[in-house]
C-alpha atoms as a PDB file:
ATOM      1  CA  MET A   1     149.227 110.359  64.814  1.00  0.00           C
ATOM      2  CA  SER A   2     149.967 110.401  68.538  1.00  0.00           C
ATOM      3  CA  SER A   3     147.652 113.379  69.085  1.00  0.00           C
ATOM      4  CA  LEU A   4     144.859 111.399  67.379  1.00  0.00           C
ATOM      5  CA  LYS A   5     145.464 108.509  69.787  1.00  0.00           C
ATOM      6  CA  THR A   6     145.328 110.938  72.697  1.00  0.00           C
ATOM      7  CA  TRP A   7     141.986 112.365  71.542  1.00  0.00           C
ATOM      8  CA  VAL A   8     140.564 108.880  70.986  1.00  0.00           C
ATOM      9  CA  ALA A   9     141.745 107.814  74.452  1.00  0.00           C
ATOM     10  CA  VAL A  10     140.181 110.921  76.059  1.00  0.00           C
ATOM     11  CA  LEU A  11     136.944 110.404  74.149  1.00  0.00           C
ATOM     12  CA  LEU A  12     136.862 106.730  75.121  1.00  0.00           C
ATOM     13  CA  ILE A  13     137.416 107.558  78.797  1.00  0.00           C
ATOM     14  CA  PHE A  14     134.654 110.174  78.625  1.00  0.00           C
ATOM     15  CA  LEU A  15     132.234 107.711  77.004  1.00  0.00           C
ATOM     16  CA  LEU A  16     133.055 104.979  79.517  1.00  0.00           C
ATOM     17  CA  GLY A  17     132.448 107.425  82.364  1.00  0.00           C
ATOM     18  CA  ALA A  18     129.082 108.426  80.911  1.00  0.00           C
ATOM     19  CA  VAL A  19     128.045 104.792  80.387  1.00  0.00           C
ATOM     20  CA  SER A  20     129.121 103.739  83.881  1.00  0.00           C
ATOM     21  CA  GLY A  21     127.372 106.752  85.416  1.00  0.00           C
ATOM     22  CA  ALA A  22     124.147 105.952  83.567  1.00  0.00           C
ATOM     23  CA  ALA A  23     124.382 102.288  84.583  1.00  0.00           C
ATOM     24  CA  THR A  24     124.957 103.190  88.237  1.00  0.00           C
ATOM     25  CA  TYR A  25     122.027 105.619  88.181  1.00  0.00           C
ATOM     26  CA  HIS A  26     119.788 102.920  86.695  1.00  0.00           C
ATOM     27  CA  VAL A  27     120.812 100.307  89.296  1.00  0.00           C
ATOM     28  CA  VAL A  28     120.322 102.673  92.233  1.00  0.00           C
ATOM     29  CA  ARG A  29     116.980 103.924  90.932  1.00  0.00           C
ATOM     30  CA  THR A  30     115.767 100.369  90.296  1.00  0.00           C
ATOM     31  CA  ARG A  31     116.712  99.308  93.830  1.00  0.00           C
ATOM     32  CA  ILE A  32     114.901 102.277  95.363  1.00  0.00           C
ATOM     33  CA  GLU A  33     111.789 101.731  93.249  1.00  0.00           C
ATOM     34  CA  THR A  34     111.758  98.006  94.007  1.00  0.00           C
ATOM     35  CA  ARG A  35     112.011  98.660  97.721  1.00  0.00           C
ATOM     36  CA  LEU A  36     109.261 101.249  97.611  1.00  0.00           C
ATOM     37  CA  PHE A  37     106.813  99.219  95.591  1.00  0.00           C
ATOM     38  CA  GLU A  38     107.381  95.954  97.452  1.00  0.00           C
ATOM     39  CA  SER A  39     106.039  97.689 100.524  1.00  0.00           C
ATOM     40  CA  LYS A  40     102.329  97.970 101.212  1.00  0.00           C
ATOM     41  CA  ASP A  41     103.136 101.328 102.763  1.00  0.00           C
ATOM     42  CA  VAL A  42     104.437 103.073  99.649  1.00  0.00           C
ATOM     43  CA  VAL A  43     103.524 106.531 100.902  1.00  0.00           C
ATOM     44  CA  ILE A  44     105.264 105.934 104.220  1.00  0.00           C
ATOM     45  CA  GLU A  45     108.374 104.697 102.414  1.00  0.00           C
ATOM     46  CA  ILE A  46     108.428 107.763 100.159  1.00  0.00           C
ATOM     47  CA  ILE A  47     108.056 110.117 103.140  1.00  0.00           C
ATOM     48  CA  LEU A  48     110.755 108.225 105.030  1.00  0.00           C
ATOM     49  CA  PHE A  49     113.096 108.299 102.024  1.00  0.00           C
ATOM     50  CA  ARG A  50     112.679 112.059 101.635  1.00  0.00           C
ATOM     51  CA  MET A  51     113.097 112.736 105.346  1.00  0.00           C
ATOM     52  CA  THR A  52     116.222 110.577 105.461  1.00  0.00           C
ATOM     53  CA  ARG A  53     117.642 112.406 102.461  1.00  0.00           C
ATOM     54  CA  ASP A  54     116.697 115.907 103.628  1.00  0.00           C
ATOM     55  CA  LEU A  55     117.439 115.511 107.343  1.00  0.00           C
ATOM     56  CA  ASP A  56     120.279 112.975 107.171  1.00  0.00           C
ATOM     57  CA  LEU A  57     118.547 110.649 109.658  1.00  0.00           C
ATOM     58  CA  SER A  58     120.594 108.045 111.490  1.00  0.00           C
ATOM     59  CA  ALA A  59     119.474 104.401 111.389  1.00  0.00           C
ATOM     60  CA  GLN A  60     117.955 104.759 114.861  1.00  0.00           C
ATOM     61  CA  GLN A  61     116.116 107.966 113.923  1.00  0.00           C
ATOM     62  CA  ARG A  62     114.903 106.329 110.714  1.00  0.00           C
ATOM     63  CA  ALA A  63     113.403 103.440 112.689  1.00  0.00           C
ATOM     64  CA  GLN A  64     111.734 105.831 115.146  1.00  0.00           C
ATOM     65  CA  VAL A  65     110.345 108.053 112.376  1.00  0.00           C
ATOM     66  CA  ARG A  66     109.023 104.977 110.549  1.00  0.00           C
ATOM     67  CA  ALA A  67     107.299 103.818 113.752  1.00  0.00           C
ATOM     68  CA  ALA A  68     105.726 107.281 114.156  1.00  0.00           C
ATOM     69  CA  LEU A  69     104.507 107.246 110.548  1.00  0.00           C
ATOM     70  CA  LEU A  70     103.004 103.771 110.978  1.00  0.00           C
ATOM     71  CA  ALA A  71     101.254 104.869 114.179  1.00  0.00           C
ATOM     72  CA  GLY A  72      99.871 107.876 112.317  1.00  0.00           C
ATOM     73  CA  ARG A  73      98.600 105.601 109.554  1.00  0.00           C
ATOM     74  CA  ARG A  74      96.853 103.383 112.126  1.00  0.00           C
ATOM     75  CA  ASP A  75      95.219 106.482 113.627  1.00  0.00           C
ATOM     76  CA  LEU A  76      94.013 107.566 110.180  1.00  0.00           C
ATOM     77  CA  VAL A  77      92.601 104.106 109.463  1.00  0.00           C
ATOM     78  CA  MET A  78      90.612 104.284 112.707  1.00  0.00           C
ATOM     79  CA  LEU A  79      89.316 107.742 111.781  1.00  0.00           C
ATOM     80  CA  GLU A  80      88.529 106.559 108.251  1.00  0.00           C
ATOM     81  CA  LYS A  81      86.131 103.908 109.640  1.00  0.00           C
ATOM     82  CA  ASP A  82      83.910 106.693 110.953  1.00  0.00           C
ATOM     83  CA  LEU A  83      84.232 108.881 107.864  1.00  0.00           C
ATOM     84  CA  VAL A  84      83.611 106.350 105.079  1.00  0.00           C
ATOM     85  CA  PRO A  85      79.833 106.127 105.587  1.00  0.00           C
ATOM     86  CA  VAL A  86      79.586 109.927 105.673  1.00  0.00           C
ATOM     87  CA  VAL A  87      81.653 110.311 102.494  1.00  0.00           C
ATOM     88  CA  GLU A  88      79.606 107.616 100.731  1.00  0.00           C
ATOM     89  CA  HIS A  89      76.372 109.360 101.742  1.00  0.00           C
ATOM     90  CA  ILE A  90      77.630 112.705 100.416  1.00  0.00           C
ATOM     91  CA  PHE A  91      78.803 111.031  97.201  1.00  0.00           C
ATOM     92  CA  ASP A  92      75.408 109.342  96.652  1.00  0.00           C
ATOM     93  CA  ARG A  93      73.486 112.521  97.455  1.00  0.00           C
ATOM     94  CA  THR A  94      75.638 114.585  95.074  1.00  0.00           C
ATOM     95  CA  ALA A  95      75.333 111.992  92.305  1.00  0.00           C
ATOM     96  CA  GLY A  96      71.562 112.024  92.796  1.00  0.00           C
ATOM     97  CA  ARG A  97      71.419 115.804  92.560  1.00  0.00           C
ATOM     98  CA  ILE A  98      73.474 115.759  89.362  1.00  0.00           C
ATOM     99  CA  SER A  99      71.400 112.944  87.889  1.00  0.00           C
ATOM    100  CA  ALA A 100      68.205 114.926  88.565  1.00  0.00           C
ATOM    101  CA  VAL A 101      69.266 117.682  86.153  1.00  0.00           C
ATOM    102  CA  LEU A 102      70.375 115.347  83.354  1.00  0.00           C
ATOM    103  CA  THR A 103      68.353 114.068  80.434  1.00  0.00           C
ATOM    104  CA  PRO A 104      67.633 110.319  80.308  1.00  0.00           C
ATOM    105  CA  GLU A 105      70.394 109.893  77.706  1.00  0.00           C
ATOM    106  CA  GLN A 106      72.866 111.802  79.864  1.00  0.00           C
ATOM    107  CA  ARG A 107      71.838 109.774  82.945  1.00  0.00           C
ATOM    108  CA  ALA A 108      72.584 106.582  81.037  1.00  0.00           C
ATOM    109  CA  ARG A 109      76.117 107.844  80.298  1.00  0.00           C
ATOM    110  CA  PHE A 110      76.523 109.282  83.816  1.00  0.00           C
ATOM    111  CA  ALA A 111      75.605 106.048  85.648  1.00  0.00           C
ATOM    112  CA  PRO A 112      78.770 104.127  84.627  1.00  0.00           C
ATOM    113  CA  VAL A 113      80.917 107.104  85.628  1.00  0.00           C
ATOM    114  CA  VAL A 114      79.296 107.152  89.070  1.00  0.00           C
ATOM    115  CA  GLU A 115      79.719 103.394  89.413  1.00  0.00           C
ATOM    116  CA  LYS A 116      83.378 103.607  88.422  1.00  0.00           C
ATOM    117  CA  ARG A 117      84.004 106.332  91.019  1.00  0.00           C
ATOM    118  CA  ARG A 118      82.136 104.338  93.661  1.00  0.00           C
ATOM    119  CA  GLN A 119      84.308 101.296  92.889  1.00  0.00           C
ATOM    120  CA  MET A 120      87.464 103.440  93.100  1.00  0.00           C
ATOM    121  CA  MET A 121      86.377 104.676  96.547  1.00  0.00           C
ATOM    122  CA  GLN A 122      85.695 101.115  97.729  1.00  0.00           C
ATOM    123  CA  ASP A 123      89.061  99.927  96.422  1.00  0.00           C
ATOM    124  CA  ALA A 124      90.820 102.793  98.204  1.00  0.00           C
ATOM    125  CA  VAL A 125      89.052 101.884 101.455  1.00  0.00           C
ATOM    126  CA  LYS A 126      90.092  98.229 101.072  1.00  0.00           C
ATOM    127  CA  ARG A 127      93.727  99.227 100.493  1.00  0.00           C
ATOM    128  CA  ALA A 128      93.664 101.546 103.500  1.00  0.00           C
ATOM    129  CA  ARG A 129      92.322  98.762 105.703  1.00  0.00           C
ATOM    130  CA  GLU A 130      95.066  96.304 104.775  1.00  0.00           C
ATOM    131  CA  PRO A 131      97.222  95.485 107.775  1.00  0.00           C
ATOM    132  CA  VAL A 132      99.948  98.010 108.377  1.00  0.00           C
ATOM    133  CA  GLU A 133     103.328  96.506 107.642  1.00  0.00           C
ATOM    134  CA  GLU A 134     105.279  96.580 110.907  1.00  0.00           C
ATOM    135  CA  GLU A 135     108.670  95.240 109.880  1.00  0.00           C
ATOM    136  CA  ARG A 136     110.725  95.422 106.692  1.00  0.00           C
ATOM    137  CA  LYS A 137     111.389  92.004 105.219  1.00  0.00           C
END
């Protein structure tokens, strides 16, 4: 009987360890995801998280790397202002070329696809132009 109690105790300890490990994993993952997705700069936060993990950055280095990433994002936003009209022109020209080879029925089905893609591009431009978040809350 005592060996049965021992096995039950060992099994119980094992199960409690597994449950507590899973719970800890869930809490940590939830905190990381919440922090990432509360930020407007999700991509910057992901890059910063990976660099911190891979390079073991100090708090000071983390702040400096974040500042460099934000400056890079600002530079890209400035460049994007010049490129958006060019990209839109290429998109419209390509859609026109494709539409020219389609039947009227196919054009009718193609038009909503083009409009959806155009809207996705405009939404992406709007998101990119949102103010860059300077400080963590």
